[in-house]
Amino acid sequence: MAELVKKTANMEPVFVEEKLTPPWKEAWISFYKNRLALAGLGIVAFFIIIAILAPVIVPYSYKEQVLTDRMLPPSGDHWFGTDDFGRDIFSRIVYGARISLWVGFFSVLGSVVFGTILGIVAGYYGRWIDSVISRIFDIMLAFPSILLAIAVVAILGPSLQNALIAIAVINIPNFGRLIRSKVLSVKQEEYIMAARAVGMKDTRILFHHILPNSVSPVIVQATLAIATSIIEAAALGFLGMGAQAPTPEWGKMLADSKNYITQAPWTLFFPGAAIMLTVLGFNLMGDGLRDVLDPKMKN
């Protein structure tokens, strides 16, 4: 609440109450005005809903094989057709949404946690700690991300869980460097110096003052990183280093259908379209969040 003073005709002050818009509500209004961001949110919400309601939505089991129904085109019985084992592609796409979103969310969550810890320690303490952590980030970023992910999976063994770990590992430097750069600027603020002057502990300064004021770009980067993680999981699945049969992972479905592009193009089209739409939704939503949370993007 804020009070504004207005003067009447006889110059007597009149106090009028004005309601201030909460920051979260102001951010939502700005996000709502961005139609592309809202469309991205709708796409993401759609895939999350079908992933949650997968057992109710699908007409067949995703691993049910009917060899007499091999390579059937889309129809009323099989909306997206069937694959080379007679499995319903629509059912596999819906269950695949669970896997892709699970990998995307939890791999990014791991990257955010470890990247934030390393970045905030490097940026706050500096000196040799900063040098060591920064050089580790530089070494990891020197490799193409997909090659580094393949190397990690090759060491751990091909599986969906190991693919998730690999994707989390390769994204740690991105979040670490982002939070480090933000901490370097925030720790020079006067209120941080005042907190040090009164003897406040480093852990309290880090987690109660620096981190809350450094988290906005991390939220935006995390949203965009989910899209990248879904693509990387699909790439590992396509190479046979991610999810293993009969798991209905979208990248693995693309790998299984690559030999039937001309004979049954629907087996390739629908998994590819699912990946494209999901990634598009997260990218549009991430751009909208950037416009809302980044002060440089505001008019």
C-alpha atoms as a PDB file:
ATOM      1  CA  MET A   1       0.000   0.000   0.000  1.00  0.00           C
ATOM      2  CA  ALA A   2       1.160   3.509  -0.731  1.00  0.00           C
ATOM      3  CA  GLU A   3      -0.392   6.814   0.157  1.00  0.00           C
ATOM      4  CA  LEU A   4      -0.640   9.661  -2.340  1.00  0.00           C
ATOM      5  CA  VAL A   5      -1.304  13.183  -1.179  1.00  0.00           C
ATOM      6  CA  LYS A   6      -3.827  15.188  -3.235  1.00  0.00           C
ATOM      7  CA  LYS A   7      -4.789  18.789  -2.586  1.00  0.00           C
ATOM      8  CA  THR A   8      -8.382  19.941  -2.717  1.00  0.00           C
ATOM      9  CA  ALA A   9      -9.668  23.373  -3.705  1.00  0.00           C
ATOM     10  CA  ASN A  10      -9.067  24.739  -0.219  1.00  0.00           C
ATOM     11  CA  MET A  11      -5.528  23.342  -0.300  1.00  0.00           C
ATOM     12  CA  GLU A  12      -6.243  20.724   2.342  1.00  0.00           C
ATOM     13  CA  PRO A  13      -4.331  17.479   1.765  1.00  0.00           C
ATOM     14  CA  VAL A  14      -6.373  14.359   1.082  1.00  0.00           C
ATOM     15  CA  PHE A  15      -4.770  10.976   1.473  1.00  0.00           C
ATOM     16  CA  VAL A  16      -5.679   8.437  -1.195  1.00  0.00           C
ATOM     17  CA  GLU A  17      -4.636   4.811  -0.977  1.00  0.00           C
ATOM     18  CA  GLU A  18      -3.049   3.241  -4.057  1.00  0.00           C
ATOM     19  CA  LYS A  19      -2.595  -0.480  -4.472  1.00  0.00           C
ATOM     20  CA  LEU A  20       0.811  -1.626  -5.673  1.00  0.00           C
ATOM     21  CA  THR A  21       0.912  -4.578  -8.062  1.00  0.00           C
ATOM     22  CA  PRO A  22       2.863  -7.533  -6.618  1.00  0.00           C
ATOM     23  CA  PRO A  23       6.026  -8.358  -8.617  1.00  0.00           C
ATOM     24  CA  TRP A  24       4.818 -11.863  -9.501  1.00  0.00           C
ATOM     25  CA  LYS A  25       1.528 -10.489 -10.802  1.00  0.00           C
ATOM     26  CA  GLU A  26       3.306  -7.833 -12.845  1.00  0.00           C
ATOM     27  CA  ALA A  27       5.578 -10.522 -14.312  1.00  0.00           C
ATOM     28  CA  TRP A  28       2.584 -12.697 -15.204  1.00  0.00           C
ATOM     29  CA  ILE A  29       0.846  -9.763 -16.908  1.00  0.00           C
ATOM     30  CA  SER A  30       3.957  -9.095 -18.990  1.00  0.00           C
ATOM     31  CA  PHE A  31       4.246 -12.790 -19.836  1.00  0.00           C
ATOM     32  CA  TYR A  32       0.555 -12.995 -20.728  1.00  0.00           C
ATOM     33  CA  LYS A  33       0.903 -10.144 -23.203  1.00  0.00           C
ATOM     34  CA  ASN A  34       3.556 -12.112 -25.109  1.00  0.00           C
ATOM     35  CA  ARG A  35       1.458 -14.327 -27.378  1.00  0.00           C
ATOM     36  CA  LEU A  36       4.364 -16.478 -28.530  1.00  0.00           C
ATOM     37  CA  ALA A  37       5.410 -17.170 -24.943  1.00  0.00           C
ATOM     38  CA  LEU A  38       1.829 -18.017 -24.077  1.00  0.00           C
ATOM     39  CA  ALA A  39       1.687 -20.410 -27.034  1.00  0.00           C
ATOM     40  CA  GLY A  40       4.890 -22.053 -25.788  1.00  0.00           C
ATOM     41  CA  LEU A  41       3.371 -22.449 -22.334  1.00  0.00           C
ATOM     42  CA  GLY A  42       0.307 -24.041 -23.917  1.00  0.00           C
ATOM     43  CA  ILE A  43       2.416 -26.537 -25.863  1.00  0.00           C
ATOM     44  CA  VAL A  44       4.432 -27.486 -22.782  1.00  0.00           C
ATOM     45  CA  ALA A  45       1.269 -27.805 -20.674  1.00  0.00           C
ATOM     46  CA  PHE A  46      -0.298 -30.007 -23.352  1.00  0.00           C
ATOM     47  CA  PHE A  47       2.595 -32.476 -23.328  1.00  0.00           C
ATOM     48  CA  ILE A  48       2.742 -32.483 -19.534  1.00  0.00           C
ATOM     49  CA  ILE A  49      -0.977 -33.281 -19.361  1.00  0.00           C
ATOM     50  CA  ILE A  50      -0.794 -36.144 -21.858  1.00  0.00           C
ATOM     51  CA  ALA A  51       2.264 -37.508 -20.034  1.00  0.00           C
ATOM     52  CA  ILE A  52       0.364 -37.524 -16.728  1.00  0.00           C
ATOM     53  CA  LEU A  53      -2.797 -39.007 -18.265  1.00  0.00           C
ATOM     54  CA  ALA A  54      -0.969 -41.513 -20.479  1.00  0.00           C
ATOM     55  CA  PRO A  55      -2.605 -44.659 -18.991  1.00  0.00           C
ATOM     56  CA  VAL A  56      -6.036 -43.129 -19.582  1.00  0.00           C
ATOM     57  CA  ILE A  57      -5.383 -41.731 -23.070  1.00  0.00           C
ATOM     58  CA  VAL A  58      -3.637 -44.585 -24.881  1.00  0.00           C
ATOM     59  CA  PRO A  59      -5.822 -47.209 -26.588  1.00  0.00           C
ATOM     60  CA  TYR A  60      -3.092 -49.891 -26.538  1.00  0.00           C
ATOM     61  CA  SER A  61      -0.100 -50.872 -24.466  1.00  0.00           C
ATOM     62  CA  TYR A  62       3.046 -49.188 -25.751  1.00  0.00           C
ATOM     63  CA  LYS A  63       4.871 -52.544 -25.853  1.00  0.00           C
ATOM     64  CA  GLU A  64       2.047 -54.688 -27.245  1.00  0.00           C
ATOM     65  CA  GLN A  65       3.239 -56.378 -30.463  1.00  0.00           C
ATOM     66  CA  VAL A  66       0.785 -57.518 -33.127  1.00  0.00           C
ATOM     67  CA  LEU A  67       2.889 -58.779 -36.012  1.00  0.00           C
ATOM     68  CA  THR A  68      -0.120 -59.075 -38.304  1.00  0.00           C
ATOM     69  CA  ASP A  69      -0.590 -55.286 -37.981  1.00  0.00           C
ATOM     70  CA  ARG A  70       2.951 -54.327 -39.022  1.00  0.00           C
ATOM     71  CA  MET A  71       3.436 -50.996 -40.844  1.00  0.00           C
ATOM     72  CA  LEU A  72      -0.219 -50.008 -40.906  1.00  0.00           C
ATOM     73  CA  PRO A  73      -0.785 -46.382 -41.996  1.00  0.00           C
ATOM     74  CA  PRO A  74      -2.705 -43.937 -39.754  1.00  0.00           C
ATOM     75  CA  SER A  75      -6.370 -44.928 -39.423  1.00  0.00           C
ATOM     76  CA  GLY A  76      -9.291 -44.883 -37.019  1.00  0.00           C
ATOM     77  CA  ASP A  77      -7.888 -47.901 -35.158  1.00  0.00           C
ATOM     78  CA  HIS A  78      -4.306 -46.636 -35.068  1.00  0.00           C
ATOM     79  CA  TRP A  79      -4.263 -42.821 -35.215  1.00  0.00           C
ATOM     80  CA  PHE A  80      -0.516 -42.591 -35.917  1.00  0.00           C
ATOM     81  CA  GLY A  81      -0.172 -46.004 -37.582  1.00  0.00           C
ATOM     82  CA  THR A  82       1.959 -48.912 -36.380  1.00  0.00           C
ATOM     83  CA  ASP A  83       5.680 -49.672 -36.464  1.00  0.00           C
ATOM     84  CA  ASP A  84       7.685 -52.662 -37.703  1.00  0.00           C
ATOM     85  CA  PHE A  85       6.582 -54.746 -34.688  1.00  0.00           C
ATOM     86  CA  GLY A  86       2.906 -53.842 -35.008  1.00  0.00           C
ATOM     87  CA  ARG A  87       3.010 -51.550 -31.978  1.00  0.00           C
ATOM     88  CA  ASP A  88       0.672 -48.555 -31.849  1.00  0.00           C
ATOM     89  CA  ILE A  89       2.757 -45.428 -32.513  1.00  0.00           C
ATOM     90  CA  PHE A  90       0.285 -43.068 -30.831  1.00  0.00           C
ATOM     91  CA  SER A  91       0.543 -45.015 -27.570  1.00  0.00           C
ATOM     92  CA  ARG A  92       4.327 -44.979 -27.782  1.00  0.00           C
ATOM     93  CA  ILE A  93       4.402 -41.243 -28.501  1.00  0.00           C
ATOM     94  CA  VAL A  94       2.229 -40.507 -25.458  1.00  0.00           C
ATOM     95  CA  TYR A  95       4.338 -42.648 -23.134  1.00  0.00           C
ATOM     96  CA  GLY A  96       7.458 -41.226 -24.755  1.00  0.00           C
ATOM     97  CA  ALA A  97       6.371 -37.789 -23.538  1.00  0.00           C
ATOM     98  CA  ARG A  98       6.801 -39.053 -19.974  1.00  0.00           C
ATOM     99  CA  ILE A  99      10.358 -40.164 -20.667  1.00  0.00           C
ATOM    100  CA  SER A 100      11.477 -37.078 -22.592  1.00  0.00           C
ATOM    101  CA  LEU A 101      10.027 -34.652 -20.043  1.00  0.00           C
ATOM    102  CA  TRP A 102      11.445 -36.688 -17.163  1.00  0.00           C
ATOM    103  CA  VAL A 103      14.925 -36.614 -18.694  1.00  0.00           C
ATOM    104  CA  GLY A 104      14.610 -32.928 -19.559  1.00  0.00           C
ATOM    105  CA  PHE A 105      13.442 -31.777 -16.126  1.00  0.00           C
ATOM    106  CA  PHE A 106      15.686 -33.886 -13.924  1.00  0.00           C
ATOM    107  CA  SER A 107      18.857 -33.524 -15.998  1.00  0.00           C
ATOM    108  CA  VAL A 108      18.455 -29.745 -15.895  1.00  0.00           C
ATOM    109  CA  LEU A 109      17.650 -29.875 -12.180  1.00  0.00           C
ATOM    110  CA  GLY A 110      20.934 -31.694 -11.553  1.00  0.00           C
ATOM    111  CA  SER A 111      22.819 -29.216 -13.744  1.00  0.00           C
ATOM    112  CA  VAL A 112      21.258 -26.249 -11.933  1.00  0.00           C
ATOM    113  CA  VAL A 113      22.063 -27.600  -8.462  1.00  0.00           C
ATOM    114  CA  PHE A 114      25.703 -28.500  -9.092  1.00  0.00           C
ATOM    115  CA  GLY A 115      26.356 -25.623 -11.489  1.00  0.00           C
ATOM    116  CA  THR A 116      24.917 -23.097  -9.033  1.00  0.00           C
ATOM    117  CA  ILE A 117      26.974 -24.447  -6.127  1.00  0.00           C
ATOM    118  CA  LEU A 118      30.217 -24.378  -8.112  1.00  0.00           C
ATOM    119  CA  GLY A 119      29.463 -21.013  -9.704  1.00  0.00           C
ATOM    120  CA  ILE A 120      28.508 -19.263  -6.495  1.00  0.00           C
ATOM    121  CA  VAL A 121      31.590 -20.589  -4.680  1.00  0.00           C
ATOM    122  CA  ALA A 122      33.899 -19.565  -7.548  1.00  0.00           C
ATOM    123  CA  GLY A 123      32.374 -16.106  -7.890  1.00  0.00           C
ATOM    124  CA  TYR A 124      32.220 -15.307  -4.175  1.00  0.00           C
ATOM    125  CA  TYR A 125      35.575 -16.603  -2.943  1.00  0.00           C
ATOM    126  CA  GLY A 126      37.613 -15.963  -6.104  1.00  0.00           C
ATOM    127  CA  ARG A 127      41.397 -16.455  -6.094  1.00  0.00           C
ATOM    128  CA  TRP A 128      42.646 -20.014  -6.623  1.00  0.00           C
ATOM    129  CA  ILE A 129      39.212 -21.545  -6.019  1.00  0.00           C
ATOM    130  CA  ASP A 130      37.801 -19.504  -8.888  1.00  0.00           C
ATOM    131  CA  SER A 131      40.758 -20.409 -11.102  1.00  0.00           C
ATOM    132  CA  VAL A 132      40.424 -24.156 -10.521  1.00  0.00           C
ATOM    133  CA  ILE A 133      36.637 -24.255 -11.035  1.00  0.00           C
ATOM    134  CA  SER A 134      36.806 -21.974 -14.089  1.00  0.00           C
ATOM    135  CA  ARG A 135      39.500 -24.107 -15.738  1.00  0.00           C
ATOM    136  CA  ILE A 136      37.370 -27.222 -15.189  1.00  0.00           C
ATOM    137  CA  PHE A 137      34.467 -25.440 -16.881  1.00  0.00           C
ATOM    138  CA  ASP A 138      36.730 -24.377 -19.758  1.00  0.00           C
ATOM    139  CA  ILE A 139      37.939 -27.946 -20.301  1.00  0.00           C
ATOM    140  CA  MET A 140      34.389 -29.306 -20.352  1.00  0.00           C
ATOM    141  CA  LEU A 141      33.216 -26.585 -22.740  1.00  0.00           C
ATOM    142  CA  ALA A 142      36.129 -27.323 -25.078  1.00  0.00           C
ATOM    143  CA  PHE A 143      34.411 -30.566 -26.115  1.00  0.00           C
ATOM    144  CA  PRO A 144      31.260 -30.668 -28.259  1.00  0.00           C
ATOM    145  CA  SER A 145      28.410 -31.384 -25.856  1.00  0.00           C
ATOM    146  CA  ILE A 146      27.144 -34.484 -27.660  1.00  0.00           C
ATOM    147  CA  LEU A 147      30.650 -36.007 -27.775  1.00  0.00           C
ATOM    148  CA  LEU A 148      31.117 -35.382 -24.059  1.00  0.00           C
ATOM    149  CA  ALA A 149      27.719 -36.964 -23.388  1.00  0.00           C
ATOM    150  CA  ILE A 150      28.686 -40.004 -25.491  1.00  0.00           C
ATOM    151  CA  ALA A 151      31.942 -40.313 -23.535  1.00  0.00           C
ATOM    152  CA  VAL A 152      30.109 -40.244 -20.196  1.00  0.00           C
ATOM    153  CA  VAL A 153      27.557 -42.837 -21.346  1.00  0.00           C
ATOM    154  CA  ALA A 154      30.350 -44.998 -22.767  1.00  0.00           C
ATOM    155  CA  ILE A 155      31.971 -45.035 -19.322  1.00  0.00           C
ATOM    156  CA  LEU A 156      28.766 -45.629 -17.364  1.00  0.00           C
ATOM    157  CA  GLY A 157      27.045 -47.905 -19.889  1.00  0.00           C
ATOM    158  CA  PRO A 158      24.096 -47.304 -22.241  1.00  0.00           C
ATOM    159  CA  SER A 159      20.826 -46.743 -20.383  1.00  0.00           C
ATOM    160  CA  LEU A 160      18.233 -44.036 -19.886  1.00  0.00           C
ATOM    161  CA  GLN A 161      19.450 -43.214 -16.367  1.00  0.00           C
ATOM    162  CA  ASN A 162      23.071 -42.901 -17.510  1.00  0.00           C
ATOM    163  CA  ALA A 163      21.969 -40.713 -20.415  1.00  0.00           C
ATOM    164  CA  LEU A 164      20.253 -38.435 -17.883  1.00  0.00           C
ATOM    165  CA  ILE A 165      23.458 -38.241 -15.836  1.00  0.00           C
ATOM    166  CA  ALA A 166      25.507 -37.487 -18.949  1.00  0.00           C
ATOM    167  CA  ILE A 167      23.183 -34.672 -20.014  1.00  0.00           C
ATOM    168  CA  ALA A 168      23.272 -33.209 -16.505  1.00  0.00           C
ATOM    169  CA  VAL A 169      27.083 -33.292 -16.465  1.00  0.00           C
ATOM    170  CA  ILE A 170      27.578 -31.556 -19.805  1.00  0.00           C
ATOM    171  CA  ASN A 171      25.238 -28.691 -18.833  1.00  0.00           C
ATOM    172  CA  ILE A 172      26.899 -27.931 -15.476  1.00  0.00           C
ATOM    173  CA  PRO A 173      29.471 -25.470 -16.948  1.00  0.00           C
ATOM    174  CA  ASN A 174      26.730 -23.411 -18.609  1.00  0.00           C
ATOM    175  CA  PHE A 175      24.942 -22.773 -15.328  1.00  0.00           C
ATOM    176  CA  GLY A 176      28.191 -22.492 -13.379  1.00  0.00           C
ATOM    177  CA  ARG A 177      29.576 -19.724 -15.560  1.00  0.00           C
ATOM    178  CA  LEU A 178      26.232 -17.929 -15.654  1.00  0.00           C
ATOM    179  CA  ILE A 179      25.824 -17.814 -11.879  1.00  0.00           C
ATOM    180  CA  ARG A 180      29.525 -16.980 -11.393  1.00  0.00           C
ATOM    181  CA  SER A 181      29.277 -13.880 -13.583  1.00  0.00           C
ATOM    182  CA  LYS A 182      26.149 -12.756 -11.732  1.00  0.00           C
ATOM    183  CA  VAL A 183      27.755 -13.302  -8.320  1.00  0.00           C
ATOM    184  CA  LEU A 184      30.822 -11.277  -9.337  1.00  0.00           C
ATOM    185  CA  SER A 185      28.610  -8.244  -9.932  1.00  0.00           C
ATOM    186  CA  VAL A 186      26.205  -8.737  -7.017  1.00  0.00           C
ATOM    187  CA  LYS A 187      28.913  -9.175  -4.369  1.00  0.00           C
ATOM    188  CA  GLN A 188      30.158  -5.638  -5.085  1.00  0.00           C
ATOM    189  CA  GLU A 189      26.829  -4.107  -4.082  1.00  0.00           C
ATOM    190  CA  GLU A 190      26.744  -1.938  -0.966  1.00  0.00           C
ATOM    191  CA  TYR A 191      24.294  -4.121   0.941  1.00  0.00           C
ATOM    192  CA  ILE A 192      26.660  -7.094   0.589  1.00  0.00           C
ATOM    193  CA  MET A 193      29.559  -5.028   1.901  1.00  0.00           C
ATOM    194  CA  ALA A 194      27.361  -3.885   4.774  1.00  0.00           C
ATOM    195  CA  ALA A 195      26.476  -7.482   5.599  1.00  0.00           C
ATOM    196  CA  ARG A 196      30.154  -8.352   5.737  1.00  0.00           C
ATOM    197  CA  ALA A 197      30.884  -5.315   7.886  1.00  0.00           C
ATOM    198  CA  VAL A 198      28.408  -6.377  10.565  1.00  0.00           C
ATOM    199  CA  GLY A 199      29.964  -9.842  10.694  1.00  0.00           C
ATOM    200  CA  MET A 200      27.342 -11.866   8.852  1.00  0.00           C
ATOM    201  CA  LYS A 201      28.524 -15.375   7.968  1.00  0.00           C
ATOM    202  CA  ASP A 202      29.433 -16.211   4.382  1.00  0.00           C
ATOM    203  CA  THR A 203      26.798 -18.946   4.097  1.00  0.00           C
ATOM    204  CA  ARG A 204      24.057 -16.524   5.144  1.00  0.00           C
ATOM    205  CA  ILE A 205      25.292 -13.888   2.699  1.00  0.00           C
ATOM    206  CA  LEU A 206      25.437 -16.437  -0.114  1.00  0.00           C
ATOM    207  CA  PHE A 207      22.044 -18.042   0.347  1.00  0.00           C
ATOM    208  CA  HIS A 208      20.026 -15.115   1.728  1.00  0.00           C
ATOM    209  CA  HIS A 209      21.374 -12.197  -0.278  1.00  0.00           C
ATOM    210  CA  ILE A 210      23.500 -13.172  -3.279  1.00  0.00           C
ATOM    211  CA  LEU A 211      21.643 -16.253  -4.532  1.00  0.00           C
ATOM    212  CA  PRO A 212      18.109 -14.733  -4.513  1.00  0.00           C
ATOM    213  CA  ASN A 213      19.426 -11.771  -6.518  1.00  0.00           C
ATOM    214  CA  SER A 214      21.224 -14.022  -9.021  1.00  0.00           C
ATOM    215  CA  VAL A 215      18.544 -16.589  -9.767  1.00  0.00           C
ATOM    216  CA  SER A 216      16.564 -14.825 -12.525  1.00  0.00           C
ATOM    217  CA  PRO A 217      18.930 -15.638 -15.425  1.00  0.00           C
ATOM    218  CA  VAL A 218      19.217 -19.205 -14.129  1.00  0.00           C
ATOM    219  CA  ILE A 219      15.442 -19.683 -14.431  1.00  0.00           C
ATOM    220  CA  VAL A 220      15.510 -18.484 -18.031  1.00  0.00           C
ATOM    221  CA  GLN A 221      18.533 -20.620 -18.907  1.00  0.00           C
ATOM    222  CA  ALA A 222      16.968 -23.673 -17.232  1.00  0.00           C
ATOM    223  CA  THR A 223      13.821 -23.357 -19.343  1.00  0.00           C
ATOM    224  CA  LEU A 224      15.866 -23.193 -22.544  1.00  0.00           C
ATOM    225  CA  ALA A 225      18.154 -25.998 -21.322  1.00  0.00           C
ATOM    226  CA  ILE A 226      15.201 -28.382 -20.954  1.00  0.00           C
ATOM    227  CA  ALA A 227      14.638 -28.081 -24.705  1.00  0.00           C
ATOM    228  CA  THR A 228      18.318 -28.772 -25.366  1.00  0.00           C
ATOM    229  CA  SER A 229      18.290 -31.734 -22.979  1.00  0.00           C
ATOM    230  CA  ILE A 230      15.329 -33.298 -24.793  1.00  0.00           C
ATOM    231  CA  ILE A 231      17.231 -33.045 -28.083  1.00  0.00           C
ATOM    232  CA  GLU A 232      20.385 -34.499 -26.511  1.00  0.00           C
ATOM    233  CA  ALA A 233      18.409 -37.389 -24.990  1.00  0.00           C
ATOM    234  CA  ALA A 234      16.870 -38.064 -28.400  1.00  0.00           C
ATOM    235  CA  ALA A 235      20.324 -37.974 -30.003  1.00  0.00           C
ATOM    236  CA  LEU A 236      21.706 -40.473 -27.486  1.00  0.00           C
ATOM    237  CA  GLY A 237      18.654 -42.675 -27.996  1.00  0.00           C
ATOM    238  CA  PHE A 238      19.098 -42.475 -31.762  1.00  0.00           C
ATOM    239  CA  LEU A 239      22.714 -43.616 -31.371  1.00  0.00           C
ATOM    240  CA  GLY A 240      21.630 -46.526 -29.160  1.00  0.00           C
ATOM    241  CA  MET A 241      23.284 -45.074 -26.047  1.00  0.00           C
ATOM    242  CA  GLY A 242      20.146 -43.869 -24.283  1.00  0.00           C
ATOM    243  CA  ALA A 243      16.875 -45.659 -23.670  1.00  0.00           C
ATOM    244  CA  GLN A 244      16.853 -49.331 -24.645  1.00  0.00           C
ATOM    245  CA  ALA A 245      14.048 -51.337 -26.250  1.00  0.00           C
ATOM    246  CA  PRO A 246      11.141 -51.595 -25.652  1.00  0.00           C
ATOM    247  CA  THR A 247      11.202 -48.191 -23.903  1.00  0.00           C
ATOM    248  CA  PRO A 248       9.209 -45.742 -26.079  1.00  0.00           C
ATOM    249  CA  GLU A 249      11.749 -42.930 -26.137  1.00  0.00           C
ATOM    250  CA  TRP A 250      11.336 -40.574 -29.102  1.00  0.00           C
ATOM    251  CA  GLY A 251      14.977 -40.701 -30.212  1.00  0.00           C
ATOM    252  CA  LYS A 252      14.986 -44.483 -30.043  1.00  0.00           C
ATOM    253  CA  MET A 253      11.777 -44.547 -32.096  1.00  0.00           C
ATOM    254  CA  LEU A 254      13.508 -42.461 -34.777  1.00  0.00           C
ATOM    255  CA  ALA A 255      16.432 -44.877 -34.816  1.00  0.00           C
ATOM    256  CA  ASP A 256      14.103 -47.875 -35.171  1.00  0.00           C
ATOM    257  CA  SER A 257      12.215 -46.267 -38.076  1.00  0.00           C
ATOM    258  CA  LYS A 258      15.136 -44.901 -40.099  1.00  0.00           C
ATOM    259  CA  ASN A 259      15.120 -47.969 -42.364  1.00  0.00           C
ATOM    260  CA  TYR A 260      11.457 -47.448 -43.276  1.00  0.00           C
ATOM    261  CA  ILE A 261      11.469 -43.809 -44.386  1.00  0.00           C
ATOM    262  CA  THR A 262      10.051 -44.543 -47.842  1.00  0.00           C
ATOM    263  CA  GLN A 263       7.998 -47.590 -46.893  1.00  0.00           C
ATOM    264  CA  ALA A 264       6.338 -46.162 -43.754  1.00  0.00           C
ATOM    265  CA  PRO A 265       7.184 -42.454 -43.351  1.00  0.00           C
ATOM    266  CA  TRP A 266       4.677 -42.049 -40.495  1.00  0.00           C
ATOM    267  CA  THR A 267       6.933 -44.093 -38.227  1.00  0.00           C
ATOM    268  CA  LEU A 268       9.513 -41.318 -38.560  1.00  0.00           C
ATOM    269  CA  PHE A 269       7.256 -38.283 -38.860  1.00  0.00           C
ATOM    270  CA  PHE A 270       5.313 -38.509 -35.597  1.00  0.00           C
ATOM    271  CA  PRO A 271       8.280 -38.996 -33.191  1.00  0.00           C
ATOM    272  CA  GLY A 272      10.114 -36.205 -34.995  1.00  0.00           C
ATOM    273  CA  ALA A 273       7.086 -33.915 -34.781  1.00  0.00           C
ATOM    274  CA  ALA A 274       6.750 -34.645 -31.042  1.00  0.00           C
ATOM    275  CA  ILE A 275      10.388 -33.673 -30.445  1.00  0.00           C
ATOM    276  CA  MET A 276      10.040 -30.550 -32.580  1.00  0.00           C
ATOM    277  CA  LEU A 277       6.864 -29.332 -30.870  1.00  0.00           C
ATOM    278  CA  THR A 278       8.155 -29.948 -27.347  1.00  0.00           C
ATOM    279  CA  VAL A 279      11.435 -28.166 -28.011  1.00  0.00           C
ATOM    280  CA  LEU A 280       9.584 -25.301 -29.707  1.00  0.00           C
ATOM    281  CA  GLY A 281       7.290 -24.928 -26.685  1.00  0.00           C
ATOM    282  CA  PHE A 282      10.165 -24.684 -24.205  1.00  0.00           C
ATOM    283  CA  ASN A 283      12.086 -22.262 -26.433  1.00  0.00           C
ATOM    284  CA  LEU A 284       9.111 -19.934 -26.835  1.00  0.00           C
ATOM    285  CA  MET A 285       8.395 -20.069 -23.108  1.00  0.00           C
ATOM    286  CA  GLY A 286      12.063 -19.443 -22.294  1.00  0.00           C
ATOM    287  CA  ASP A 287      12.163 -16.402 -24.562  1.00  0.00           C
ATOM    288  CA  GLY A 288       9.063 -15.058 -22.833  1.00  0.00           C
ATOM    289  CA  LEU A 289      10.588 -15.555 -19.390  1.00  0.00           C
ATOM    290  CA  ARG A 290      13.746 -13.809 -20.541  1.00  0.00           C
ATOM    291  CA  ASP A 291      11.732 -10.794 -21.647  1.00  0.00           C
ATOM    292  CA  VAL A 292       9.989 -10.695 -18.255  1.00  0.00           C
ATOM    293  CA  LEU A 293      12.898 -11.410 -15.904  1.00  0.00           C
ATOM    294  CA  ASP A 294      15.787  -9.697 -17.679  1.00  0.00           C
ATOM    295  CA  PRO A 295      15.765  -5.953 -16.841  1.00  0.00           C
ATOM    296  CA  LYS A 296      17.723  -5.222 -20.041  1.00  0.00           C
ATOM    297  CA  MET A 297      14.823  -6.526 -22.122  1.00  0.00           C
ATOM    298  CA  LYS A 298      12.252  -4.222 -20.494  1.00  0.00           C
ATOM    299  CA  ASN A 299      11.355  -0.914 -22.092  1.00  0.00           C
END
